[in-house]
């Protein structure tokens, strides 16, 4: 072995959350991958909870209204999701470097 582990940054689908894919992530881990599963905070998850300043915060699922420009809303979500995945990758790299 080279002493290195393959890494997967996992991004959940629209309307799901990181827990919905836990079996897939578990299976990847059982094959020797390190999996970092991102829970997006753009309203695309069915629910999202996290601690911030010592209290539990919740982000509700974004419900589209008939008057919404779906392309613009989804494009904004896709851009935010990409930034969150990049941030997760940087965190994993920092851990690997001992930062």
PDB file of N, CA and C in Angstrom:
ATOM      1  N   UNK A   1       0.822  -1.210   0.000  1.00  0.00           N
ATOM      2  CA  UNK A   1       0.000   0.000   0.000  1.00  0.00           C
ATOM      3  C   UNK A   1       0.857   1.262   0.000  1.00  0.00           C
ATOM      4  N   UNK A   2       0.353   2.279  -0.652  1.00  0.00           N
ATOM      5  CA  UNK A   2       1.088   3.539  -0.770  1.00  0.00           C
ATOM      6  C   UNK A   2       0.924   4.425   0.452  1.00  0.00           C
ATOM      7  N   UNK A   3       0.061   4.049   1.379  1.00  0.00           N
ATOM      8  CA  UNK A   3      -0.202   4.898   2.537  1.00  0.00           C
ATOM      9  C   UNK A   3      -1.224   5.982   2.239  1.00  0.00           C
ATOM     10  N   UNK A   4      -1.769   5.964   1.045  1.00  0.00           N
ATOM     11  CA  UNK A   4      -2.778   6.954   0.666  1.00  0.00           C
ATOM     12  C   UNK A   4      -4.134   6.267   0.544  1.00  0.00           C
ATOM     13  N   UNK A   5      -5.183   7.045   0.827  1.00  0.00           N
ATOM     14  CA  UNK A   5      -6.549   6.533   0.749  1.00  0.00           C
ATOM     15  C   UNK A   5      -7.305   7.332  -0.303  1.00  0.00           C
ATOM     16  N   UNK A   6      -8.076   6.675  -1.140  1.00  0.00           N
ATOM     17  CA  UNK A   6      -8.893   7.423  -2.104  1.00  0.00           C
ATOM     18  C   UNK A   6     -10.026   8.150  -1.381  1.00  0.00           C
ATOM     19  N   UNK A   7     -10.352   9.333  -1.863  1.00  0.00           N
ATOM     20  CA  UNK A   7     -11.363  10.179  -1.221  1.00  0.00           C
ATOM     21  C   UNK A   7     -12.508  10.439  -2.187  1.00  0.00           C
ATOM     22  N   UNK A   8     -13.726  10.389  -1.660  1.00  0.00           N
ATOM     23  CA  UNK A   8     -14.930  10.754  -2.407  1.00  0.00           C
ATOM     24  C   UNK A   8     -15.616  11.891  -1.664  1.00  0.00           C
ATOM     25  N   UNK A   9     -15.904  12.967  -2.363  1.00  0.00           N
ATOM     26  CA  UNK A   9     -16.741  14.033  -1.809  1.00  0.00           C
ATOM     27  C   UNK A   9     -18.132  13.768  -2.375  1.00  0.00           C
ATOM     28  N   UNK A  10     -19.082  13.451  -1.481  1.00  0.00           N
ATOM     29  CA  UNK A  10     -20.417  13.043  -1.919  1.00  0.00           C
ATOM     30  C   UNK A  10     -21.405  14.193  -1.754  1.00  0.00           C
ATOM     31  N   UNK A  11     -22.117  14.497  -2.830  1.00  0.00           N
ATOM     32  CA  UNK A  11     -23.115  15.566  -2.848  1.00  0.00           C
ATOM     33  C   UNK A  11     -24.499  14.953  -3.061  1.00  0.00           C
ATOM     34  N   UNK A  12     -25.394  15.172  -2.113  1.00  0.00           N
ATOM     35  CA  UNK A  12     -26.734  14.573  -2.211  1.00  0.00           C
ATOM     36  C   UNK A  12     -27.553  15.205  -3.342  1.00  0.00           C
ATOM     37  N   UNK A  13     -28.581  14.499  -3.749  1.00  0.00           N
ATOM     38  CA  UNK A  13     -29.455  14.979  -4.808  1.00  0.00           C
ATOM     39  C   UNK A  13     -30.471  15.996  -4.309  1.00  0.00           C
ATOM     40  N   UNK A  14     -31.185  16.605  -5.242  1.00  0.00           N
ATOM     41  CA  UNK A  14     -32.217  17.579  -4.904  1.00  0.00           C
ATOM     42  C   UNK A  14     -33.342  16.873  -4.142  1.00  0.00           C
ATOM     43  N   UNK A  15     -33.764  17.456  -3.042  1.00  0.00           N
ATOM     44  CA  UNK A  15     -34.865  16.907  -2.261  1.00  0.00           C
ATOM     45  C   UNK A  15     -34.441  15.840  -1.263  1.00  0.00           C
ATOM     46  N   UNK A  16     -33.160  15.498  -1.240  1.00  0.00           N
ATOM     47  CA  UNK A  16     -32.654  14.506  -0.292  1.00  0.00           C
ATOM     48  C   UNK A  16     -31.710  15.204   0.678  1.00  0.00           C
ATOM     49  N   UNK A  17     -31.056  14.418   1.491  1.00  0.00           N
ATOM     50  CA  UNK A  17     -30.007  14.953   2.359  1.00  0.00           C
ATOM     51  C   UNK A  17     -28.931  13.886   2.501  1.00  0.00           C
ATOM     52  N   UNK A  18     -27.890  14.196   3.263  1.00  0.00           N
ATOM     53  CA  UNK A  18     -26.763  13.261   3.367  1.00  0.00           C
ATOM     54  C   UNK A  18     -27.186  11.929   3.975  1.00  0.00           C
ATOM     55  N   UNK A  19     -28.207  11.927   4.828  1.00  0.00           N
ATOM     56  CA  UNK A  19     -28.643  10.678   5.457  1.00  0.00           C
ATOM     57  C   UNK A  19     -29.313   9.739   4.460  1.00  0.00           C
ATOM     58  N   UNK A  20     -29.978  10.293   3.462  1.00  0.00           N
ATOM     59  CA  UNK A  20     -30.691   9.473   2.479  1.00  0.00           C
ATOM     60  C   UNK A  20     -29.731   8.581   1.688  1.00  0.00           C
ATOM     61  N   UNK A  21     -28.472   8.981   1.616  1.00  0.00           N
ATOM     62  CA  UNK A  21     -27.486   8.232   0.847  1.00  0.00           C
ATOM     63  C   UNK A  21     -26.479   7.522   1.749  1.00  0.00           C
ATOM     64  N   UNK A  22     -26.791   7.342   3.014  1.00  0.00           N
ATOM     65  CA  UNK A  22     -25.820   6.761   3.938  1.00  0.00           C
ATOM     66  C   UNK A  22     -25.398   5.355   3.514  1.00  0.00           C
ATOM     67  N   UNK A  23     -26.295   4.569   2.950  1.00  0.00           N
ATOM     68  CA  UNK A  23     -25.938   3.206   2.513  1.00  0.00           C
ATOM     69  C   UNK A  23     -24.914   3.251   1.394  1.00  0.00           C
ATOM     70  N   UNK A  24     -25.078   4.157   0.452  1.00  0.00           N
ATOM     71  CA  UNK A  24     -24.109   4.280  -0.645  1.00  0.00           C
ATOM     72  C   UNK A  24     -22.755   4.705  -0.088  1.00  0.00           C
ATOM     73  N   UNK A  25     -22.762   5.683   0.815  1.00  0.00           N
ATOM     74  CA  UNK A  25     -21.507   6.144   1.416  1.00  0.00           C
ATOM     75  C   UNK A  25     -20.861   5.033   2.233  1.00  0.00           C
ATOM     76  N   UNK A  26     -21.664   4.287   2.957  1.00  0.00           N
ATOM     77  CA  UNK A  26     -21.160   3.156   3.739  1.00  0.00           C
ATOM     78  C   UNK A  26     -20.497   2.130   2.819  1.00  0.00           C
ATOM     79  N   UNK A  27     -21.156   1.825   1.697  1.00  0.00           N
ATOM     80  CA  UNK A  27     -20.597   0.860   0.750  1.00  0.00           C
ATOM     81  C   UNK A  27     -19.269   1.349   0.178  1.00  0.00           C
ATOM     82  N   UNK A  28     -19.181   2.635  -0.134  1.00  0.00           N
ATOM     83  CA  UNK A  28     -17.915   3.190  -0.622  1.00  0.00           C
ATOM     84  C   UNK A  28     -16.820   3.043   0.433  1.00  0.00           C
ATOM     85  N   UNK A  29     -17.169   3.335   1.687  1.00  0.00           N
ATOM     86  CA  UNK A  29     -16.199   3.185   2.782  1.00  0.00           C
ATOM     87  C   UNK A  29     -15.742   1.747   2.914  1.00  0.00           C
ATOM     88  N   UNK A  30     -16.668   0.807   2.758  1.00  0.00           N
ATOM     89  CA  UNK A  30     -16.314  -0.604   2.907  1.00  0.00           C
ATOM     90  C   UNK A  30     -15.370  -1.067   1.797  1.00  0.00           C
ATOM     91  N   UNK A  31     -15.296  -0.307   0.709  1.00  0.00           N
ATOM     92  CA  UNK A  31     -14.374  -0.614  -0.380  1.00  0.00           C
ATOM     93  C   UNK A  31     -13.047   0.140  -0.239  1.00  0.00           C
ATOM     94  N   UNK A  32     -12.885   0.868   0.869  1.00  0.00           N
ATOM     95  CA  UNK A  32     -11.608   1.518   1.132  1.00  0.00           C
ATOM     96  C   UNK A  32     -11.547   3.006   0.838  1.00  0.00           C
ATOM     97  N   UNK A  33     -12.678   3.605   0.515  1.00  0.00           N
ATOM     98  CA  UNK A  33     -12.710   5.043   0.249  1.00  0.00           C
ATOM     99  C   UNK A  33     -12.986   5.818   1.540  1.00  0.00           C
ATOM    100  N   UNK A  34     -12.411   6.997   1.639  1.00  0.00           N
ATOM    101  CA  UNK A  34     -12.813   7.952   2.664  1.00  0.00           C
ATOM    102  C   UNK A  34     -13.910   8.794   2.024  1.00  0.00           C
ATOM    103  N   UNK A  35     -15.056   8.902   2.686  1.00  0.00           N
ATOM    104  CA  UNK A  35     -16.192   9.628   2.118  1.00  0.00           C
ATOM    105  C   UNK A  35     -16.529  10.827   2.996  1.00  0.00           C
ATOM    106  N   UNK A  36     -16.543  11.996   2.387  1.00  0.00           N
ATOM    107  CA  UNK A  36     -17.009  13.214   3.047  1.00  0.00           C
ATOM    108  C   UNK A  36     -18.320  13.584   2.382  1.00  0.00           C
ATOM    109  N   UNK A  37     -19.404  13.516   3.124  1.00  0.00           N
ATOM    110  CA  UNK A  37     -20.735  13.754   2.576  1.00  0.00           C
ATOM    111  C   UNK A  37     -21.209  15.159   2.940  1.00  0.00           C
ATOM    112  N   UNK A  38     -21.459  15.952   1.939  1.00  0.00           N
ATOM    113  CA  UNK A  38     -21.876  17.342   2.125  1.00  0.00           C
ATOM    114  C   UNK A  38     -23.392  17.402   2.264  1.00  0.00           C
ATOM    115  N   UNK A  39     -23.868  18.167   3.233  1.00  0.00           N
ATOM    116  CA  UNK A  39     -25.299  18.468   3.304  1.00  0.00           C
ATOM    117  C   UNK A  39     -25.451  19.929   2.918  1.00  0.00           C
ATOM    118  N   UNK A  40     -26.046  20.139   1.775  1.00  0.00           N
ATOM    119  CA  UNK A  40     -26.119  21.490   1.217  1.00  0.00           C
ATOM    120  C   UNK A  40     -27.094  22.366   1.987  1.00  0.00           C
ATOM    121  N   UNK A  41     -26.753  23.633   2.087  1.00  0.00           N
ATOM    122  CA  UNK A  41     -27.558  24.602   2.837  1.00  0.00           C
ATOM    123  C   UNK A  41     -28.251  25.589   1.908  1.00  0.00           C
ATOM    124  N   UNK A  42     -28.619  25.097   0.750  1.00  0.00           N
ATOM    125  CA  UNK A  42     -29.261  25.946  -0.259  1.00  0.00           C
ATOM    126  C   UNK A  42     -30.763  25.716  -0.348  1.00  0.00           C
ATOM    127  N   UNK A  43     -31.289  24.902   0.567  1.00  0.00           N
ATOM    128  CA  UNK A  43     -32.718  24.590   0.529  1.00  0.00           C
ATOM    129  C   UNK A  43     -33.041  23.395  -0.345  1.00  0.00           C
ATOM    130  N   UNK A  44     -32.014  22.734  -0.910  1.00  0.00           N
ATOM    131  CA  UNK A  44     -32.273  21.574  -1.770  1.00  0.00           C
ATOM    132  C   UNK A  44     -32.478  20.294  -0.971  1.00  0.00           C
ATOM    133  N   UNK A  45     -32.036  20.266   0.290  1.00  0.00           N
ATOM    134  CA  UNK A  45     -32.225  19.082   1.127  1.00  0.00           C
ATOM    135  C   UNK A  45     -33.666  19.039   1.639  1.00  0.00           C
ATOM    136  N   UNK A  46     -34.169  17.818   1.891  1.00  0.00           N
ATOM    137  CA  UNK A  46     -35.522  17.695   2.443  1.00  0.00           C
ATOM    138  C   UNK A  46     -35.588  18.334   3.825  1.00  0.00           C
ATOM    139  N   UNK A  47     -34.470  18.309   4.537  1.00  0.00           N
ATOM    140  CA  UNK A  47     -34.298  19.061   5.778  1.00  0.00           C
ATOM    141  C   UNK A  47     -32.814  19.125   6.073  1.00  0.00           C
ATOM    142  N   UNK A  48     -32.411  20.146   6.765  1.00  0.00           N
ATOM    143  CA  UNK A  48     -31.001  20.314   7.106  1.00  0.00           C
ATOM    144  C   UNK A  48     -30.916  20.996   8.454  1.00  0.00           C
ATOM    145  N   UNK A  49     -30.151  20.395   9.357  1.00  0.00           N
ATOM    146  CA  UNK A  49     -29.948  20.973  10.682  1.00  0.00           C
ATOM    147  C   UNK A  49     -28.459  21.034  10.962  1.00  0.00           C
ATOM    148  N   UNK A  50     -28.050  22.080  11.658  1.00  0.00           N
ATOM    149  CA  UNK A  50     -26.651  22.221  12.025  1.00  0.00           C
ATOM    150  C   UNK A  50     -26.542  23.144  13.223  1.00  0.00           C
ATOM    151  N   UNK A  51     -25.427  23.002  13.927  1.00  0.00           N
ATOM    152  CA  UNK A  51     -25.175  23.872  15.073  1.00  0.00           C
ATOM    153  C   UNK A  51     -24.445  25.122  14.617  1.00  0.00           C
ATOM    154  N   UNK A  52     -24.882  26.251  15.159  1.00  0.00           N
ATOM    155  CA  UNK A  52     -24.237  27.524  14.876  1.00  0.00           C
ATOM    156  C   UNK A  52     -24.294  28.366  16.139  1.00  0.00           C
ATOM    157  N   UNK A  53     -23.130  28.771  16.619  1.00  0.00           N
ATOM    158  CA  UNK A  53     -23.043  29.559  17.854  1.00  0.00           C
ATOM    159  C   UNK A  53     -23.777  28.895  19.014  1.00  0.00           C
ATOM    160  N   UNK A  54     -23.645  27.576  19.120  1.00  0.00           N
ATOM    161  CA  UNK A  54     -24.208  26.847  20.241  1.00  0.00           C
ATOM    162  C   UNK A  54     -25.687  26.519  20.163  1.00  0.00           C
ATOM    163  N   UNK A  55     -26.339  26.866  19.055  1.00  0.00           N
ATOM    164  CA  UNK A  55     -27.760  26.523  18.944  1.00  0.00           C
ATOM    165  C   UNK A  55     -28.031  25.808  17.620  1.00  0.00           C
ATOM    166  N   UNK A  56     -29.097  25.025  17.625  1.00  0.00           N
ATOM    167  CA  UNK A  56     -29.484  24.263  16.448  1.00  0.00           C
ATOM    168  C   UNK A  56     -30.186  25.175  15.444  1.00  0.00           C
ATOM    169  N   UNK A  57     -29.690  25.176  14.220  1.00  0.00           N
ATOM    170  CA  UNK A  57     -30.303  25.936  13.126  1.00  0.00           C
ATOM    171  C   UNK A  57     -30.929  24.942  12.159  1.00  0.00           C
ATOM    172  N   UNK A  58     -31.998  25.348  11.510  1.00  0.00           N
ATOM    173  CA  UNK A  58     -32.650  24.482  10.543  1.00  0.00           C
ATOM    174  C   UNK A  58     -32.900  25.256   9.254  1.00  0.00           C
ATOM    175  N   UNK A  59     -32.653  24.577   8.146  1.00  0.00           N
ATOM    176  CA  UNK A  59     -32.938  25.152   6.834  1.00  0.00           C
ATOM    177  C   UNK A  59     -34.059  24.326   6.220  1.00  0.00           C
ATOM    178  N   UNK A  60     -35.151  24.970   5.926  1.00  0.00           N
ATOM    179  CA  UNK A  60     -36.293  24.259   5.348  1.00  0.00           C
ATOM    180  C   UNK A  60     -36.073  24.001   3.860  1.00  0.00           C
ATOM    181  N   UNK A  61     -36.746  22.984   3.355  1.00  0.00           N
ATOM    182  CA  UNK A  61     -36.698  22.670   1.928  1.00  0.00           C
ATOM    183  C   UNK A  61     -37.309  23.826   1.139  1.00  0.00           C
ATOM    184  N   UNK A  62     -36.608  24.261   0.110  1.00  0.00           N
ATOM    185  CA  UNK A  62     -37.069  25.363  -0.726  1.00  0.00           C
ATOM    186  C   UNK A  62     -38.226  24.900  -1.605  1.00  0.00           C
ATOM    187  N   UNK A  63     -39.366  25.497  -1.411  1.00  0.00           N
ATOM    188  CA  UNK A  63     -40.536  25.186  -2.227  1.00  0.00           C
ATOM    189  C   UNK A  63     -40.643  26.218  -3.348  1.00  0.00           C
ATOM    190  N   UNK A  64     -40.667  25.732  -4.569  1.00  0.00           N
ATOM    191  CA  UNK A  64     -40.791  26.634  -5.716  1.00  0.00           C
ATOM    192  C   UNK A  64     -42.228  27.151  -5.806  1.00  0.00           C
ATOM    193  N   UNK A  65     -42.354  28.426  -6.081  1.00  0.00           N
ATOM    194  CA  UNK A  65     -43.664  29.037  -6.322  1.00  0.00           C
ATOM    195  C   UNK A  65     -43.888  29.119  -7.824  1.00  0.00           C
ATOM    196  N   UNK A  66     -45.143  29.092  -8.269  1.00  0.00           N
ATOM    197  CA  UNK A  66     -45.408  29.172  -9.710  1.00  0.00           C
ATOM    198  C   UNK A  66     -44.785  30.406 -10.372  1.00  0.00           C
ATOM    199  N   UNK A  67     -44.656  31.477  -9.614  1.00  0.00           N
ATOM    200  CA  UNK A  67     -44.097  32.707 -10.176  1.00  0.00           C
ATOM    201  C   UNK A  67     -42.567  32.733 -10.195  1.00  0.00           C
ATOM    202  N   UNK A  68     -41.917  31.736  -9.561  1.00  0.00           N
ATOM    203  CA  UNK A  68     -40.455  31.701  -9.496  1.00  0.00           C
ATOM    204  C   UNK A  68     -39.863  31.379 -10.871  1.00  0.00           C
ATOM    205  N   UNK A  69     -38.727  31.978 -11.159  1.00  0.00           N
ATOM    206  CA  UNK A  69     -37.955  31.632 -12.344  1.00  0.00           C
ATOM    207  C   UNK A  69     -37.102  30.423 -11.973  1.00  0.00           C
ATOM    208  N   UNK A  70     -37.584  29.243 -12.295  1.00  0.00           N
ATOM    209  CA  UNK A  70     -36.940  28.019 -11.829  1.00  0.00           C
ATOM    210  C   UNK A  70     -35.484  27.926 -12.284  1.00  0.00           C
ATOM    211  N   UNK A  71     -35.199  28.325 -13.512  1.00  0.00           N
ATOM    212  CA  UNK A  71     -33.821  28.253 -13.984  1.00  0.00           C
ATOM    213  C   UNK A  71     -32.899  29.076 -13.091  1.00  0.00           C
ATOM    214  N   UNK A  72     -33.293  30.292 -12.778  1.00  0.00           N
ATOM    215  CA  UNK A  72     -32.446  31.165 -11.953  1.00  0.00           C
ATOM    216  C   UNK A  72     -32.260  30.594 -10.553  1.00  0.00           C
ATOM    217  N   UNK A  73     -33.342  30.097  -9.962  1.00  0.00           N
ATOM    218  CA  UNK A  73     -33.269  29.531  -8.611  1.00  0.00           C
ATOM    219  C   UNK A  73     -32.364  28.303  -8.606  1.00  0.00           C
ATOM    220  N   UNK A  74     -32.567  27.389  -9.545  1.00  0.00           N
ATOM    221  CA  UNK A  74     -31.762  26.156  -9.592  1.00  0.00           C
ATOM    222  C   UNK A  74     -30.302  26.466  -9.942  1.00  0.00           C
ATOM    223  N   UNK A  75     -30.075  27.456 -10.803  1.00  0.00           N
ATOM    224  CA  UNK A  75     -28.713  27.842 -11.151  1.00  0.00           C
ATOM    225  C   UNK A  75     -27.982  28.384  -9.916  1.00  0.00           C
ATOM    226  N   UNK A  76     -28.681  29.200  -9.131  1.00  0.00           N
ATOM    227  CA  UNK A  76     -28.101  29.721  -7.889  1.00  0.00           C
ATOM    228  C   UNK A  76     -27.782  28.581  -6.926  1.00  0.00           C
ATOM    229  N   UNK A  77     -28.709  27.612  -6.830  1.00  0.00           N
ATOM    230  CA  UNK A  77     -28.463  26.460  -5.970  1.00  0.00           C
ATOM    231  C   UNK A  77     -27.255  25.666  -6.457  1.00  0.00           C
ATOM    232  N   UNK A  78     -27.170  25.431  -7.758  1.00  0.00           N
ATOM    233  CA  UNK A  78     -26.052  24.653  -8.307  1.00  0.00           C
ATOM    234  C   UNK A  78     -24.719  25.340  -8.028  1.00  0.00           C
ATOM    235  N   UNK A  79     -24.691  26.647  -8.156  1.00  0.00           N
ATOM    236  CA  UNK A  79     -23.459  27.390  -7.872  1.00  0.00           C
ATOM    237  C   UNK A  79     -23.084  27.305  -6.398  1.00  0.00           C
ATOM    238  N   UNK A  80     -24.069  27.426  -5.512  1.00  0.00           N
ATOM    239  CA  UNK A  80     -23.783  27.313  -4.080  1.00  0.00           C
ATOM    240  C   UNK A  80     -23.307  25.909  -3.745  1.00  0.00           C
ATOM    241  N   UNK A  81     -23.955  24.907  -4.328  1.00  0.00           N
ATOM    242  CA  UNK A  81     -23.574  23.520  -4.072  1.00  0.00           C
ATOM    243  C   UNK A  81     -22.131  23.267  -4.503  1.00  0.00           C
ATOM    244  N   UNK A  82     -21.749  23.808  -5.648  1.00  0.00           N
ATOM    245  CA  UNK A  82     -20.374  23.645  -6.128  1.00  0.00           C
ATOM    246  C   UNK A  82     -19.388  24.271  -5.146  1.00  0.00           C
ATOM    247  N   UNK A  83     -19.713  25.451  -4.632  1.00  0.00           N
ATOM    248  CA  UNK A  83     -18.835  26.110  -3.655  1.00  0.00           C
ATOM    249  C   UNK A  83     -18.718  25.282  -2.381  1.00  0.00           C
ATOM    250  N   UNK A  84     -19.828  24.666  -1.951  1.00  0.00           N
ATOM    251  CA  UNK A  84     -19.799  23.847  -0.738  1.00  0.00           C
ATOM    252  C   UNK A  84     -18.939  22.594  -0.937  1.00  0.00           C
ATOM    253  N   UNK A  85     -19.008  21.998  -2.119  1.00  0.00           N
ATOM    254  CA  UNK A  85     -18.191  20.822  -2.415  1.00  0.00           C
ATOM    255  C   UNK A  85     -16.713  21.209  -2.450  1.00  0.00           C
ATOM    256  N   UNK A  86     -16.402  22.339  -3.065  1.00  0.00           N
ATOM    257  CA  UNK A  86     -15.016  22.818  -3.103  1.00  0.00           C
ATOM    258  C   UNK A  86     -14.510  23.081  -1.688  1.00  0.00           C
ATOM    259  N   UNK A  87     -15.347  23.684  -0.852  1.00  0.00           N
ATOM    260  CA  UNK A  87     -14.954  23.941   0.543  1.00  0.00           C
ATOM    261  C   UNK A  87     -14.703  22.632   1.288  1.00  0.00           C
ATOM    262  N   UNK A  88     -15.550  21.646   1.057  1.00  0.00           N
ATOM    263  CA  UNK A  88     -15.367  20.338   1.700  1.00  0.00           C
ATOM    264  C   UNK A  88     -14.054  19.706   1.251  1.00  0.00           C
ATOM    265  N   UNK A  89     -13.767  19.774  -0.029  1.00  0.00           N
ATOM    266  CA  UNK A  89     -12.514  19.225  -0.540  1.00  0.00           C
ATOM    267  C   UNK A  89     -11.323  19.930   0.106  1.00  0.00           C
ATOM    268  N   UNK A  90     -11.400  21.247   0.253  1.00  0.00           N
ATOM    269  CA  UNK A  90     -10.310  21.982   0.890  1.00  0.00           C
ATOM    270  C   UNK A  90     -10.144  21.563   2.351  1.00  0.00           C
ATOM    271  N   UNK A  91     -11.259  21.346   3.049  1.00  0.00           N
ATOM    272  CA  UNK A  91     -11.174  20.876   4.439  1.00  0.00           C
ATOM    273  C   UNK A  91     -10.496  19.511   4.529  1.00  0.00           C
ATOM    274  N   UNK A  92     -10.837  18.615   3.615  1.00  0.00           N
ATOM    275  CA  UNK A  92     -10.218  17.288   3.602  1.00  0.00           C
ATOM    276  C   UNK A  92      -8.725  17.417   3.305  1.00  0.00           C
ATOM    277  N   UNK A  93      -8.366  18.271   2.368  1.00  0.00           N
ATOM    278  CA  UNK A  93      -6.955  18.496   2.064  1.00  0.00           C
ATOM    279  C   UNK A  93      -6.214  19.068   3.271  1.00  0.00           C
ATOM    280  N   UNK A  94      -6.842  19.998   3.977  1.00  0.00           N
ATOM    281  CA  UNK A  94      -6.228  20.575   5.172  1.00  0.00           C
ATOM    282  C   UNK A  94      -6.014  19.505   6.248  1.00  0.00           C
ATOM    283  N   UNK A  95      -6.992  18.625   6.432  1.00  0.00           N
ATOM    284  CA  UNK A  95      -6.839  17.534   7.393  1.00  0.00           C
ATOM    285  C   UNK A  95      -5.662  16.650   7.011  1.00  0.00           C
ATOM    286  N   UNK A  96      -5.553  16.354   5.726  1.00  0.00           N
ATOM    287  CA  UNK A  96      -4.460  15.516   5.250  1.00  0.00           C
ATOM    288  C   UNK A  96      -3.100  16.165   5.509  1.00  0.00           C
ATOM    289  N   UNK A  97      -3.054  17.488   5.424  1.00  0.00           N
ATOM    290  CA  UNK A  97      -1.806  18.218   5.631  1.00  0.00           C
ATOM    291  C   UNK A  97      -1.561  18.579   7.092  1.00  0.00           C
ATOM    292  N   UNK A  98      -2.507  18.223   7.962  1.00  0.00           N
ATOM    293  CA  UNK A  98      -2.349  18.482   9.384  1.00  0.00           C
ATOM    294  C   UNK A  98      -2.634  19.918   9.784  1.00  0.00           C
ATOM    295  N   UNK A  99      -3.385  20.614   8.948  1.00  0.00           N
ATOM    296  CA  UNK A  99      -3.714  22.027   9.222  1.00  0.00           C
ATOM    297  C   UNK A  99      -4.972  22.109  10.065  1.00  0.00           C
TER     298      UNK A  99
END
